[in-house]
C-alpha atoms as a PDB file:
ATOM      1  CA  MET A   1       0.000   0.000   0.000  1.00  0.00           C
ATOM      2  CA  PRO A   2       1.451   3.400  -0.926  1.00  0.00           C
ATOM      3  CA  ARG A   3       2.325   5.766   1.876  1.00  0.00           C
ATOM      4  CA  LYS A   4      -0.043   8.718   2.290  1.00  0.00           C
ATOM      5  CA  ILE A   5       1.407  12.194   1.929  1.00  0.00           C
ATOM      6  CA  SER A   6       1.300  14.334   5.060  1.00  0.00           C
ATOM      7  CA  GLU A   7       0.317  18.005   5.034  1.00  0.00           C
ATOM      8  CA  ALA A   8       3.942  19.019   5.537  1.00  0.00           C
ATOM      9  CA  GLU A   9       5.069  17.045   2.456  1.00  0.00           C
ATOM     10  CA  ASP A  10       2.240  18.028   0.105  1.00  0.00           C
ATOM     11  CA  PRO A  11       3.367  21.114  -1.835  1.00  0.00           C
ATOM     12  CA  ALA A  12      -0.201  22.145  -2.757  1.00  0.00           C
ATOM     13  CA  ILE A  13      -1.262  22.206   0.906  1.00  0.00           C
ATOM     14  CA  ARG A  14       1.912  24.061   1.943  1.00  0.00           C
ATOM     15  CA  GLN A  15       1.285  26.611  -0.814  1.00  0.00           C
ATOM     16  CA  MET A  16      -2.349  27.074   0.272  1.00  0.00           C
ATOM     17  CA  MET A  17      -1.238  27.660   3.879  1.00  0.00           C
ATOM     18  CA  ALA A  18       1.479  30.099   2.810  1.00  0.00           C
ATOM     19  CA  ASN A  19      -0.884  32.140   0.622  1.00  0.00           C
ATOM     20  CA  ALA A  20      -3.735  32.340   3.141  1.00  0.00           C
ATOM     21  CA  THR A  21      -4.663  35.900   4.079  1.00  0.00           C
ATOM     22  CA  ARG A  22      -7.377  34.825   6.535  1.00  0.00           C
ATOM     23  CA  CYS A  23      -7.396  31.983   9.040  1.00  0.00           C
ATOM     24  CA  LEU A  24      -8.107  28.620   7.381  1.00  0.00           C
ATOM     25  CA  GLY A  25     -10.012  27.513  10.490  1.00  0.00           C
ATOM     26  CA  GLY A  26     -13.018  29.550   9.432  1.00  0.00           C
ATOM     27  CA  CYS A  27     -12.892  32.293  12.083  1.00  0.00           C
ATOM     28  CA  GLY A  28     -12.020  34.962   9.484  1.00  0.00           C
ATOM     29  CA  VAL A  29      -9.132  36.566  11.384  1.00  0.00           C
ATOM     30  CA  VAL A  30      -6.708  38.436   9.118  1.00  0.00           C
ATOM     31  CA  LEU A  31      -3.328  36.730   9.432  1.00  0.00           C
ATOM     32  CA  GLN A  32      -0.026  38.430  10.122  1.00  0.00           C
ATOM     33  CA  HIS A  33       3.048  37.348   8.216  1.00  0.00           C
ATOM     34  CA  HIS A  34       6.026  36.025  10.158  1.00  0.00           C
ATOM     35  CA  GLN A  35       9.513  37.038   9.139  1.00  0.00           C
ATOM     36  CA  THR A  36      11.789  34.069   8.316  1.00  0.00           C
ATOM     37  CA  LYS A  37      15.136  33.606   6.614  1.00  0.00           C
ATOM     38  CA  GLU A  38      13.360  32.878   3.308  1.00  0.00           C
ATOM     39  CA  GLY A  39      11.213  35.999   3.594  1.00  0.00           C
ATOM     40  CA  ARG A  40       7.669  36.513   4.776  1.00  0.00           C
ATOM     41  CA  ARG A  41       5.746  33.396   5.770  1.00  0.00           C
ATOM     42  CA  ASN A  42       2.263  32.637   6.925  1.00  0.00           C
ATOM     43  CA  ARG A  43       1.242  29.564   8.892  1.00  0.00           C
ATOM     44  CA  GLY A  44      -2.385  29.594   7.723  1.00  0.00           C
ATOM     45  CA  TYR A  45      -4.028  29.662  11.167  1.00  0.00           C
ATOM     46  CA  CYS A  46      -4.495  32.253  13.894  1.00  0.00           C
ATOM     47  CA  SER A  47      -4.452  29.696  16.746  1.00  0.00           C
ATOM     48  CA  LEU A  48      -4.199  26.010  17.589  1.00  0.00           C
ATOM     49  CA  THR A  49      -7.932  25.982  18.260  1.00  0.00           C
ATOM     50  CA  CYS A  50      -8.601  26.924  14.634  1.00  0.00           C
ATOM     51  CA  PHE A  51      -6.041  24.369  13.454  1.00  0.00           C
ATOM     52  CA  TYR A  52      -7.813  21.596  15.365  1.00  0.00           C
ATOM     53  CA  THR A  53     -11.225  22.799  14.167  1.00  0.00           C
ATOM     54  CA  LYS A  54     -10.266  22.470  10.499  1.00  0.00           C
ATOM     55  CA  THR A  55      -7.027  20.689   9.587  1.00  0.00           C
ATOM     56  CA  PRO A  56      -5.018  21.677   6.502  1.00  0.00           C
ATOM     57  CA  LYS A  57      -6.350  18.682   4.546  1.00  0.00           C
ATOM     58  CA  MET A  58      -9.916  19.723   5.393  1.00  0.00           C
ATOM     59  CA  ALA A  59      -9.221  23.295   4.268  1.00  0.00           C
ATOM     60  CA  TYR A  60      -7.580  21.995   1.081  1.00  0.00           C
ATOM     61  CA  ALA A  61     -10.595  19.779   0.283  1.00  0.00           C
ATOM     62  CA  GLU A  62     -12.854  22.828   0.756  1.00  0.00           C
ATOM     63  CA  MET A  63     -10.677  24.801  -1.638  1.00  0.00           C
ATOM     64  CA  VAL A  64     -10.611  22.008  -4.268  1.00  0.00           C
ATOM     65  CA  TYR A  65     -14.359  21.278  -4.171  1.00  0.00           C
ATOM     66  CA  SER A  66     -15.488  24.890  -3.483  1.00  0.00           C
ATOM     67  CA  LYS A  67     -17.886  23.622  -0.800  1.00  0.00           C
ATOM     68  CA  PRO A  68     -17.861  23.413   2.987  1.00  0.00           C
ATOM     69  CA  ILE A  69     -15.970  20.322   4.190  1.00  0.00           C
ATOM     70  CA  ARG A  70     -19.101  18.882   5.796  1.00  0.00           C
ATOM     71  CA  GLU A  71     -20.900  18.877   2.420  1.00  0.00           C
ATOM     72  CA  VAL A  72     -17.875  17.372   0.669  1.00  0.00           C
ATOM     73  CA  VAL A  73     -17.626  14.492   3.147  1.00  0.00           C
ATOM     74  CA  VAL A  74     -21.395  13.799   3.188  1.00  0.00           C
ATOM     75  CA  GLU A  75     -21.656  13.791  -0.616  1.00  0.00           C
ATOM     76  CA  THR A  76     -18.620  11.544  -0.923  1.00  0.00           C
ATOM     77  CA  LEU A  77     -19.934   9.111   1.702  1.00  0.00           C
ATOM     78  CA  ASN A  78     -23.369   8.996   0.058  1.00  0.00           C
ATOM     79  CA  ALA A  79     -21.800   8.071  -3.286  1.00  0.00           C
ATOM     80  CA  ARG A  80     -19.169   5.587  -2.043  1.00  0.00           C
ATOM     81  CA  THR A  81     -18.142   3.282   0.766  1.00  0.00           C
ATOM     82  CA  VAL A  82     -16.073   4.700   3.620  1.00  0.00           C
ATOM     83  CA  GLU A  83     -12.896   3.107   2.256  1.00  0.00           C
ATOM     84  CA  SER A  84     -13.344   4.413  -1.283  1.00  0.00           C
ATOM     85  CA  SER A  85     -14.406   7.831   0.079  1.00  0.00           C
ATOM     86  CA  ALA A  86     -11.140   8.028   2.003  1.00  0.00           C
ATOM     87  CA  ARG A  87      -9.165   7.081  -1.110  1.00  0.00           C
ATOM     88  CA  HIS A  88     -11.094   9.639  -3.188  1.00  0.00           C
ATOM     89  CA  LEU A  89     -10.289  12.405  -0.671  1.00  0.00           C
ATOM     90  CA  GLY A  90      -6.638  11.273  -0.406  1.00  0.00           C
ATOM     91  CA  ILE A  91      -6.780  10.433   3.302  1.00  0.00           C
ATOM     92  CA  GLU A  92      -6.530   7.342   5.484  1.00  0.00           C
ATOM     93  CA  LYS A  93      -9.629   5.397   6.527  1.00  0.00           C
ATOM     94  CA  ALA A  94      -8.975   6.323  10.177  1.00  0.00           C
ATOM     95  CA  THR A  95      -8.802   9.998   9.188  1.00  0.00           C
ATOM     96  CA  ILE A  96     -12.216   9.955   7.517  1.00  0.00           C
ATOM     97  CA  TYR A  97     -13.680   8.429  10.692  1.00  0.00           C
ATOM     98  CA  GLN A  98     -12.049  11.258  12.697  1.00  0.00           C
ATOM     99  CA  TRP A  99     -13.590  13.801  10.304  1.00  0.00           C
ATOM    100  CA  ILE A 100     -17.003  12.125  10.629  1.00  0.00           C
ATOM    101  CA  ARG A 101     -16.823  12.469  14.415  1.00  0.00           C
ATOM    102  CA  LYS A 102     -15.417  16.009  14.315  1.00  0.00           C
ATOM    103  CA  LEU A 103     -18.026  17.224  11.818  1.00  0.00           C
ATOM    104  CA  LYS A 104     -20.838  15.378  13.654  1.00  0.00           C
ATOM    105  CA  ILE A 105     -21.922  13.413  10.605  1.00  0.00           C
ATOM    106  CA  ARG A 106     -24.119  10.407  11.245  1.00  0.00           C
ATOM    107  CA  GLN A 107     -25.404   7.623   9.075  1.00  0.00           C
ATOM    108  CA  VAL A 108     -29.184   7.387   8.870  1.00  0.00           C
ATOM    109  CA  SER A 109     -31.083   4.457   7.391  1.00  0.00           C
ATOM    110  CA  ARG A 110     -34.609   5.075   6.215  1.00  0.00           C
ATOM    111  CA  TRP A 111     -37.324   2.472   5.936  1.00  0.00           C
ATOM    112  CA  GLU A 112     -40.449   2.901   3.891  1.00  0.00           C
ATOM    113  CA  ALA A 113     -43.612   0.815   3.701  1.00  0.00           C
ATOM    114  CA  SER A 114     -44.465  -0.574   0.309  1.00  0.00           C
ATOM    115  CA  ALA A 115     -47.661   0.555  -1.385  1.00  0.00           C
ATOM    116  CA  HIS A 116     -48.983  -3.037  -1.442  1.00  0.00           C
ATOM    117  CA  GLY A 117     -49.406  -3.606   2.248  1.00  0.00           C
END
């Protein structure tokens, strides 16, 4: 099984975090740039609370699909199994279960009576 890429190794996620002007956690705080040896740098979040609310992979999925992460995960789960949903989103199966808990998504089964009795 191929090794999954972490946020730190994925150049697209690093670029998104570096270019963020507002907190990726959804609070809307305008970010300040930190001075580093390479020049100005932004970490993408205003606090650890925001980081834990919406991880970089969640923020990246929102950016790619142009929808809130909760909608992305629900639509993906409705169209696929949990395992294939995780593969489609580029995350581990355990990670999608963490997202389901964090986003308070639940599976609902519906039963209907047939018209013939």
